[in-house]
C-alpha cells in the first residue's frame, strides 16, 4: 500500500497511536494556541454524553409503545411531537419516524455523508459514517443486517431510508414480547440505539 511506510519525520508520526491519546494531544495543542476553550469543550462533551443522546430517542419510542394517540401523532408529524418534548435543534430540524411491523423492517442510512437525528440519538457512531455501510446498506441490506445480528423472516421486507440534510429518520421498532405491564422507564431501557437506526432490535425483558 502507498501509505505503508515508516516516515518518522512526518508530523503524523509524532501523534500517539491510540485514538483517545490522539484526541487529547490535539486538544492540548489547540488549547496552547488559544484556538479552543477547554471549559467550553467540556460543556459540549457533557451535553452530548448526558443530555443529548439515544436516551432521548428511547424515551420517545417507549412512550409510543404505551400511548396509541402519541404513536399516531408521532407517525403523522414527528418534528412537531419531538419538539414539544424538547428534542429539537441542529440536525433535528425535520424528523420523520418510520414504524417497523411484521411485514416491513426499516433501516436508515445516509448515502452522501452522515445525516443523523442528533437531538434524538446523539452523535452518529463511526460505522454509520463509513463508506462500507453507506454503500452496502442500499445494495445488500439483508446481508448488512445479518452482520449486525438481525435475522428477519423471509416474509419481512426491508425498506431503506436515505437521510438527507432536509430529513432525518428515526425507526420506531416493534415492542418486544414480554414487555406488557412495564412502565415508560423500563420500556426505554429496552430501546437500543441501533434499534432506532434499524440495524438492531430492542432488548428482551429479563
Foldseek 3Di string as FASTA:
>chain_A
DVPPDDDCVDPVVPFDPDPVSNVVVVVVVCVVVVNDDVVVVVVVVCCLVPPWAQLQLLLLLLVVQVDVVSVVVCQVAVLVSSVVVVQDDPLRNGEHEDEDDLAEFEAEAALPAQRARGRNHNDDDPVRGDNVCSPCCVVPVQVLLVVLVDHHPPNHYYDYDHDDSVYHYWYNYDQAPPCPPPDSVVSSQQDDSRVRRRSDHGHHDD
